[in-house]
């Protein structure tokens, strides 16, 4: 619904941040959606609305969470089988599979939350390495 407003360049007010809605608007733009359908609950889609591209776009965010969880496990110094198990848990989670099928903001929210977790883990690893290097340098100078 909000992606239609972006594509039609109409003003609307919403209290939530606009990034996910803008991404869905971009998905609609590249899939050929012109913003004419309002996505009212319970209505069938007209033949001229290509919603498949928007659904695939949301599904892509759900699919990208699997390698992201694997690499998060790697940076948490987990064993390879544990990282594979972690990725399988994310891949076979029924809630994630269902949410990623629909044109909703939830799959993007979950992806960016997982990305923030990954970035924090990588930052922590570099912070620990920098601290060890600093302390080693200080001990060598004394």
N, C-alpha and C. Protein backbone atom coordinates (compact mmCIF):
# COMPACT_ATOMS: atom_id res chain seq x y z
N UNK A 1 0.83 -1.19 0.00
CA UNK A 1 0.00 0.00 0.00
C UNK A 1 0.87 1.26 0.00
N UNK A 2 1.88 1.30 0.90
CA UNK A 2 2.72 2.48 0.98
C UNK A 2 3.66 2.58 -0.21
N UNK A 3 4.04 1.44 -0.79
CA UNK A 3 4.87 1.47 -2.00
C UNK A 3 4.12 2.16 -3.13
N UNK A 4 2.80 2.00 -3.16
CA UNK A 4 2.00 2.68 -4.19
C UNK A 4 2.08 4.19 -4.05
N UNK A 5 2.09 4.67 -2.82
CA UNK A 5 2.21 6.11 -2.60
C UNK A 5 3.55 6.64 -3.12
N UNK A 6 4.62 5.87 -2.89
CA UNK A 6 5.93 6.29 -3.39
C UNK A 6 5.94 6.31 -4.91
N UNK A 7 5.36 5.29 -5.53
CA UNK A 7 5.38 5.22 -6.99
C UNK A 7 4.50 6.28 -7.63
N UNK A 8 3.40 6.65 -6.97
CA UNK A 8 2.52 7.69 -7.50
C UNK A 8 2.96 9.09 -7.08
N UNK A 9 4.01 9.16 -6.23
CA UNK A 9 4.54 10.42 -5.69
C UNK A 9 3.48 11.22 -4.95
N UNK A 10 2.70 10.51 -4.12
CA UNK A 10 1.69 11.14 -3.30
C UNK A 10 2.19 11.24 -1.86
N UNK A 11 1.85 12.32 -1.20
CA UNK A 11 2.25 12.51 0.19
C UNK A 11 1.35 11.68 1.10
N UNK A 12 1.94 11.09 2.11
CA UNK A 12 1.19 10.41 3.16
C UNK A 12 2.00 10.51 4.43
N UNK A 13 1.34 10.31 5.54
CA UNK A 13 2.02 10.38 6.84
C UNK A 13 1.99 9.00 7.48
N UNK A 14 3.14 8.57 7.92
CA UNK A 14 3.25 7.31 8.63
C UNK A 14 4.31 7.48 9.72
N UNK A 15 4.06 6.89 10.87
CA UNK A 15 4.98 7.06 12.00
C UNK A 15 6.20 6.15 11.88
N UNK A 16 6.16 5.16 11.02
CA UNK A 16 7.26 4.20 10.91
C UNK A 16 8.32 4.72 9.94
N UNK A 17 9.56 4.26 10.09
CA UNK A 17 10.64 4.68 9.20
C UNK A 17 10.37 4.24 7.75
N UNK A 18 10.84 5.01 6.77
CA UNK A 18 10.45 4.77 5.38
C UNK A 18 11.33 3.81 4.59
N UNK A 19 12.43 3.30 5.14
CA UNK A 19 13.36 2.54 4.31
C UNK A 19 12.72 1.31 3.68
N UNK A 20 12.01 0.51 4.46
CA UNK A 20 11.39 -0.70 3.93
C UNK A 20 10.34 -0.38 2.88
N UNK A 21 9.58 0.67 3.10
CA UNK A 21 8.55 1.06 2.13
C UNK A 21 9.20 1.56 0.84
N UNK A 22 10.31 2.25 0.97
CA UNK A 22 11.02 2.71 -0.21
C UNK A 22 11.63 1.53 -0.98
N UNK A 23 12.12 0.53 -0.26
CA UNK A 23 12.64 -0.66 -0.93
C UNK A 23 11.53 -1.41 -1.66
N UNK A 24 10.36 -1.51 -1.04
CA UNK A 24 9.23 -2.14 -1.73
C UNK A 24 8.79 -1.31 -2.92
N UNK A 25 8.84 0.00 -2.81
CA UNK A 25 8.54 0.85 -3.95
C UNK A 25 9.53 0.64 -5.09
N UNK A 26 10.80 0.47 -4.73
CA UNK A 26 11.82 0.17 -5.74
C UNK A 26 11.56 -1.17 -6.40
N UNK A 27 11.18 -2.17 -5.60
CA UNK A 27 10.85 -3.49 -6.16
C UNK A 27 9.67 -3.39 -7.11
N UNK A 28 8.67 -2.59 -6.74
CA UNK A 28 7.53 -2.39 -7.64
C UNK A 28 7.94 -1.67 -8.90
N UNK A 29 8.84 -0.71 -8.80
CA UNK A 29 9.31 0.04 -9.95
C UNK A 29 10.03 -0.86 -10.95
N UNK A 30 10.94 -1.72 -10.44
CA UNK A 30 11.69 -2.58 -11.35
C UNK A 30 10.85 -3.74 -11.88
N UNK A 31 9.76 -4.07 -11.20
CA UNK A 31 8.90 -5.15 -11.70
C UNK A 31 7.77 -4.64 -12.57
N UNK A 32 7.67 -3.33 -12.76
CA UNK A 32 6.68 -2.78 -13.66
C UNK A 32 5.37 -2.39 -13.01
N UNK A 33 5.32 -2.35 -11.71
CA UNK A 33 4.09 -1.96 -11.01
C UNK A 33 3.99 -0.44 -11.01
N UNK A 34 2.81 0.09 -11.35
CA UNK A 34 2.66 1.54 -11.49
C UNK A 34 1.96 2.20 -10.30
N UNK A 35 1.57 1.46 -9.29
CA UNK A 35 0.95 2.04 -8.11
C UNK A 35 -0.56 2.18 -8.19
N UNK A 36 -1.18 1.54 -9.17
CA UNK A 36 -2.62 1.72 -9.36
C UNK A 36 -3.47 0.85 -8.43
N UNK A 37 -2.93 -0.23 -7.91
CA UNK A 37 -3.69 -1.12 -7.03
C UNK A 37 -3.39 -0.75 -5.58
N UNK A 38 -4.43 -0.72 -4.74
CA UNK A 38 -4.26 -0.26 -3.36
C UNK A 38 -3.90 -1.37 -2.37
N UNK A 39 -3.85 -2.61 -2.79
CA UNK A 39 -3.54 -3.75 -1.94
C UNK A 39 -4.47 -3.81 -0.73
N UNK A 40 -5.75 -3.65 -0.96
CA UNK A 40 -6.74 -3.79 0.10
C UNK A 40 -6.83 -5.25 0.51
N UNK A 41 -7.04 -5.50 1.77
CA UNK A 41 -7.09 -6.86 2.31
C UNK A 41 -8.30 -7.61 1.75
N UNK A 42 -8.06 -8.80 1.24
CA UNK A 42 -9.13 -9.64 0.74
C UNK A 42 -9.46 -9.48 -0.72
N UNK A 43 -8.91 -8.47 -1.39
CA UNK A 43 -9.18 -8.27 -2.80
C UNK A 43 -8.25 -9.13 -3.65
N UNK A 44 -8.76 -9.56 -4.79
CA UNK A 44 -7.91 -10.30 -5.73
C UNK A 44 -7.13 -9.32 -6.58
N UNK A 45 -5.95 -9.74 -6.97
CA UNK A 45 -5.09 -8.88 -7.77
C UNK A 45 -5.59 -8.82 -9.21
N UNK A 46 -5.65 -7.64 -9.79
CA UNK A 46 -5.99 -7.55 -11.21
C UNK A 46 -4.89 -8.15 -12.08
N UNK A 47 -5.22 -8.43 -13.31
CA UNK A 47 -4.24 -9.05 -14.20
C UNK A 47 -3.09 -8.11 -14.56
N UNK A 48 -3.32 -6.81 -14.51
CA UNK A 48 -2.26 -5.87 -14.89
C UNK A 48 -1.26 -5.59 -13.77
N UNK A 49 -1.48 -6.13 -12.57
CA UNK A 49 -0.58 -5.90 -11.45
C UNK A 49 0.42 -7.06 -11.38
N UNK A 50 1.68 -6.74 -11.59
CA UNK A 50 2.73 -7.75 -11.52
C UNK A 50 3.31 -7.73 -10.10
N UNK A 51 2.73 -8.54 -9.24
CA UNK A 51 3.17 -8.58 -7.85
C UNK A 51 4.26 -9.62 -7.63
N UNK A 52 4.54 -10.42 -8.63
CA UNK A 52 5.54 -11.49 -8.47
C UNK A 52 6.92 -10.92 -8.19
N UNK A 53 7.28 -9.85 -8.86
CA UNK A 53 8.59 -9.24 -8.63
C UNK A 53 8.74 -8.70 -7.22
N UNK A 54 7.65 -8.14 -6.69
CA UNK A 54 7.70 -7.62 -5.32
C UNK A 54 7.81 -8.77 -4.32
N UNK A 55 7.13 -9.86 -4.59
CA UNK A 55 7.23 -11.02 -3.70
C UNK A 55 8.61 -11.65 -3.75
N UNK A 56 9.18 -11.70 -4.95
CA UNK A 56 10.53 -12.25 -5.08
C UNK A 56 11.54 -11.37 -4.36
N UNK A 57 11.33 -10.07 -4.40
CA UNK A 57 12.23 -9.13 -3.72
C UNK A 57 12.21 -9.38 -2.22
N UNK A 58 11.00 -9.56 -1.66
CA UNK A 58 10.89 -9.86 -0.22
C UNK A 58 11.47 -11.23 0.10
N UNK A 59 11.25 -12.19 -0.79
CA UNK A 59 11.82 -13.52 -0.60
C UNK A 59 13.33 -13.52 -0.64
N UNK A 60 13.91 -12.61 -1.41
CA UNK A 60 15.36 -12.50 -1.47
C UNK A 60 15.94 -12.11 -0.12
N UNK A 61 15.27 -11.19 0.57
CA UNK A 61 15.74 -10.80 1.91
C UNK A 61 15.66 -11.98 2.87
N UNK A 62 14.60 -12.78 2.78
CA UNK A 62 14.49 -13.97 3.62
C UNK A 62 15.57 -14.99 3.30
N UNK A 63 15.89 -15.14 2.01
CA UNK A 63 16.91 -16.11 1.61
C UNK A 63 18.31 -15.65 2.01
N UNK A 64 18.55 -14.35 2.00
CA UNK A 64 19.88 -13.84 2.36
C UNK A 64 20.18 -13.97 3.85
N UNK A 65 19.16 -14.25 4.64
CA UNK A 65 19.41 -14.43 6.07
C UNK A 65 20.15 -15.74 6.35
N UNK A 66 20.04 -16.71 5.45
CA UNK A 66 20.70 -18.01 5.68
C UNK A 66 22.22 -17.87 5.62
N UNK A 67 22.82 -17.34 4.54
CA UNK A 67 24.28 -17.18 4.58
C UNK A 67 24.74 -16.16 5.62
N UNK A 68 23.91 -15.18 5.90
CA UNK A 68 24.27 -14.19 6.91
C UNK A 68 24.37 -14.84 8.29
N UNK A 69 23.47 -15.76 8.59
CA UNK A 69 23.55 -16.45 9.88
C UNK A 69 24.77 -17.38 9.92
N UNK A 70 25.10 -18.00 8.78
CA UNK A 70 26.28 -18.86 8.73
C UNK A 70 27.55 -18.03 9.03
N UNK A 71 27.68 -16.89 8.36
CA UNK A 71 28.87 -16.07 8.57
C UNK A 71 28.90 -15.42 9.96
N UNK A 72 27.73 -15.17 10.53
CA UNK A 72 27.71 -14.70 11.91
C UNK A 72 28.27 -15.77 12.84
N UNK A 73 27.88 -17.02 12.60
CA UNK A 73 28.43 -18.12 13.40
C UNK A 73 29.93 -18.26 13.22
N UNK A 74 30.42 -18.07 11.99
CA UNK A 74 31.87 -18.14 11.74
C UNK A 74 32.59 -17.07 12.55
N UNK A 75 32.05 -15.85 12.56
CA UNK A 75 32.69 -14.76 13.30
C UNK A 75 32.50 -14.89 14.80
N UNK A 76 31.57 -15.73 15.23
CA UNK A 76 31.44 -16.03 16.66
C UNK A 76 32.35 -17.18 17.08
N UNK A 77 33.19 -17.63 16.15
CA UNK A 77 34.18 -18.71 16.38
C UNK A 77 33.50 -20.05 16.69
N UNK A 78 32.37 -20.29 16.06
CA UNK A 78 31.70 -21.58 16.21
C UNK A 78 32.34 -22.56 15.23
N UNK A 79 32.17 -23.85 15.48
CA UNK A 79 32.70 -24.85 14.56
C UNK A 79 31.88 -24.85 13.28
N UNK A 80 32.45 -25.42 12.21
CA UNK A 80 31.75 -25.44 10.91
C UNK A 80 30.43 -26.19 11.00
N UNK A 81 30.36 -27.37 11.65
CA UNK A 81 29.06 -28.03 11.76
C UNK A 81 28.03 -27.21 12.53
N UNK A 82 28.47 -26.47 13.53
CA UNK A 82 27.55 -25.60 14.28
C UNK A 82 27.04 -24.46 13.41
N UNK A 83 27.91 -23.93 12.57
CA UNK A 83 27.49 -22.84 11.67
C UNK A 83 26.49 -23.35 10.65
N UNK A 84 26.72 -24.57 10.14
CA UNK A 84 25.78 -25.17 9.19
C UNK A 84 24.45 -25.42 9.89
N UNK A 85 24.49 -25.90 11.12
CA UNK A 85 23.26 -26.13 11.88
C UNK A 85 22.52 -24.81 12.12
N UNK A 86 23.25 -23.77 12.44
CA UNK A 86 22.63 -22.45 12.64
C UNK A 86 21.95 -21.97 11.35
N UNK A 87 22.64 -22.13 10.22
CA UNK A 87 22.05 -21.74 8.94
C UNK A 87 20.83 -22.59 8.61
N UNK A 88 20.88 -23.87 8.94
CA UNK A 88 19.72 -24.75 8.70
C UNK A 88 18.54 -24.36 9.59
N UNK A 89 18.81 -23.96 10.81
CA UNK A 89 17.73 -23.49 11.69
C UNK A 89 17.01 -22.28 11.07
N UNK A 90 17.79 -21.37 10.52
CA UNK A 90 17.19 -20.19 9.89
C UNK A 90 16.47 -20.59 8.61
N UNK A 91 17.08 -21.48 7.83
CA UNK A 91 16.50 -21.87 6.55
C UNK A 91 15.18 -22.61 6.69
N UNK A 92 15.07 -23.46 7.70
CA UNK A 92 13.87 -24.27 7.86
C UNK A 92 12.89 -23.72 8.89
N UNK A 93 13.09 -22.50 9.33
CA UNK A 93 12.15 -21.87 10.25
C UNK A 93 10.87 -21.54 9.49
N UNK A 94 9.77 -22.10 9.94
CA UNK A 94 8.50 -21.95 9.23
C UNK A 94 8.03 -20.49 9.23
N UNK A 95 8.21 -19.80 10.32
CA UNK A 95 7.77 -18.40 10.39
C UNK A 95 8.53 -17.53 9.38
N UNK A 96 9.85 -17.76 9.27
CA UNK A 96 10.64 -17.00 8.30
C UNK A 96 10.24 -17.34 6.88
N UNK A 97 9.99 -18.62 6.63
CA UNK A 97 9.54 -19.03 5.29
C UNK A 97 8.22 -18.38 4.92
N UNK A 98 7.30 -18.33 5.85
CA UNK A 98 5.98 -17.76 5.55
C UNK A 98 6.03 -16.25 5.39
N UNK A 99 6.75 -15.58 6.26
CA UNK A 99 6.81 -14.12 6.19
C UNK A 99 7.51 -13.67 4.91
N UNK A 100 8.50 -14.44 4.46
CA UNK A 100 9.24 -14.06 3.27
C UNK A 100 8.43 -14.23 1.99
N UNK A 101 7.34 -14.94 2.04
CA UNK A 101 6.52 -15.16 0.85
C UNK A 101 5.65 -13.97 0.50
N UNK A 102 5.34 -13.14 1.44
CA UNK A 102 4.37 -12.08 1.24
C UNK A 102 5.04 -10.72 1.07
N UNK A 103 4.29 -9.76 0.55
CA UNK A 103 4.81 -8.41 0.36
C UNK A 103 4.63 -7.66 1.67
N UNK A 104 5.52 -7.95 2.60
CA UNK A 104 5.48 -7.34 3.92
C UNK A 104 6.86 -6.78 4.25
N UNK A 105 6.91 -5.90 5.20
CA UNK A 105 8.17 -5.31 5.63
C UNK A 105 8.94 -6.22 6.59
N UNK A 106 8.31 -7.27 7.07
CA UNK A 106 8.90 -8.10 8.12
C UNK A 106 10.17 -8.81 7.68
N UNK A 107 10.22 -9.32 6.44
CA UNK A 107 11.42 -10.02 6.00
C UNK A 107 12.60 -9.07 5.91
N UNK A 108 12.35 -7.84 5.50
CA UNK A 108 13.43 -6.85 5.46
C UNK A 108 13.86 -6.47 6.87
N UNK A 109 12.91 -6.35 7.77
CA UNK A 109 13.23 -6.03 9.16
C UNK A 109 14.09 -7.12 9.78
N UNK A 110 13.72 -8.38 9.55
CA UNK A 110 14.52 -9.48 10.08
C UNK A 110 15.91 -9.51 9.46
N UNK A 111 16.00 -9.25 8.15
CA UNK A 111 17.29 -9.26 7.49
C UNK A 111 18.20 -8.17 8.06
N UNK A 112 17.69 -6.96 8.17
CA UNK A 112 18.53 -5.87 8.65
C UNK A 112 18.87 -6.03 10.14
N UNK A 113 18.00 -6.68 10.91
CA UNK A 113 18.34 -7.00 12.30
C UNK A 113 19.48 -8.01 12.35
N UNK A 114 19.40 -9.04 11.49
CA UNK A 114 20.48 -10.03 11.42
C UNK A 114 21.76 -9.40 10.90
N UNK A 115 21.65 -8.46 9.96
CA UNK A 115 22.83 -7.76 9.45
C UNK A 115 23.47 -6.91 10.53
N UNK A 116 22.66 -6.26 11.36
CA UNK A 116 23.20 -5.46 12.46
C UNK A 116 23.91 -6.35 13.47
N UNK A 117 23.35 -7.53 13.74
CA UNK A 117 24.00 -8.48 14.64
C UNK A 117 25.34 -8.93 14.07
N UNK A 118 25.36 -9.24 12.77
CA UNK A 118 26.60 -9.65 12.11
C UNK A 118 27.65 -8.53 12.21
N UNK A 119 27.23 -7.31 11.94
CA UNK A 119 28.18 -6.18 11.99
C UNK A 119 28.71 -5.95 13.40
N UNK A 120 27.86 -6.12 14.40
CA UNK A 120 28.32 -5.97 15.79
C UNK A 120 29.32 -7.06 16.17
N UNK A 121 29.09 -8.29 15.70
CA UNK A 121 30.02 -9.38 15.99
C UNK A 121 31.36 -9.13 15.32
N UNK A 122 31.34 -8.70 14.06
CA UNK A 122 32.59 -8.40 13.35
C UNK A 122 33.30 -7.24 14.02
N UNK A 123 32.57 -6.21 14.42
CA UNK A 123 33.17 -5.07 15.11
C UNK A 123 33.81 -5.50 16.42
N UNK A 124 33.13 -6.38 17.16
CA UNK A 124 33.69 -6.87 18.43
C UNK A 124 34.97 -7.64 18.19
N UNK A 125 35.02 -8.45 17.13
CA UNK A 125 36.24 -9.20 16.84
C UNK A 125 37.40 -8.27 16.51
N UNK A 126 37.15 -7.25 15.72
CA UNK A 126 38.21 -6.30 15.40
C UNK A 126 38.61 -5.47 16.60
N UNK A 127 37.65 -5.19 17.47
CA UNK A 127 37.95 -4.42 18.67
C UNK A 127 38.86 -5.23 19.59
N UNK A 128 38.59 -6.52 19.74
CA UNK A 128 39.43 -7.39 20.57
C UNK A 128 40.81 -7.50 19.96
N UNK A 129 40.90 -7.64 18.64
CA UNK A 129 42.20 -7.73 17.98
C UNK A 129 42.99 -6.44 18.16
N UNK A 130 42.32 -5.31 18.04
CA UNK A 130 43.00 -4.03 18.21
C UNK A 130 43.50 -3.87 19.64
N UNK A 131 42.72 -4.34 20.60
CA UNK A 131 43.12 -4.26 22.00
C UNK A 131 44.34 -5.14 22.26
N UNK A 132 44.37 -6.33 21.70
CA UNK A 132 45.51 -7.23 21.86
C UNK A 132 46.76 -6.64 21.22
N UNK A 133 46.61 -6.06 20.04
CA UNK A 133 47.75 -5.44 19.37
C UNK A 133 48.26 -4.25 20.19
N UNK A 134 47.35 -3.43 20.71
CA UNK A 134 47.75 -2.28 21.51
C UNK A 134 48.49 -2.72 22.77
N UNK A 135 47.95 -3.72 23.48
CA UNK A 135 48.59 -4.20 24.71
C UNK A 135 49.94 -4.86 24.41
N UNK A 136 50.03 -5.57 23.29
CA UNK A 136 51.31 -6.18 22.92
C UNK A 136 52.35 -5.11 22.62
N UNK A 137 51.95 -4.07 21.95
CA UNK A 137 52.87 -2.99 21.62
C UNK A 137 53.32 -2.27 22.89
N UNK A 138 52.39 -2.05 23.81
CA UNK A 138 52.73 -1.39 25.06
C UNK A 138 53.69 -2.23 25.90
N UNK A 139 53.50 -3.53 25.89
CA UNK A 139 54.39 -4.39 26.69
C UNK A 139 55.78 -4.46 26.09
N UNK A 140 55.88 -4.36 24.77
CA UNK A 140 57.18 -4.39 24.11
C UNK A 140 57.96 -3.09 24.33
N UNK A 141 57.25 -1.99 24.47
CA UNK A 141 57.93 -0.72 24.67
C UNK A 141 58.47 -0.57 26.08
N UNK A 142 57.89 -1.30 27.02
CA UNK A 142 58.36 -1.15 28.40
C UNK A 142 59.47 -2.07 28.68
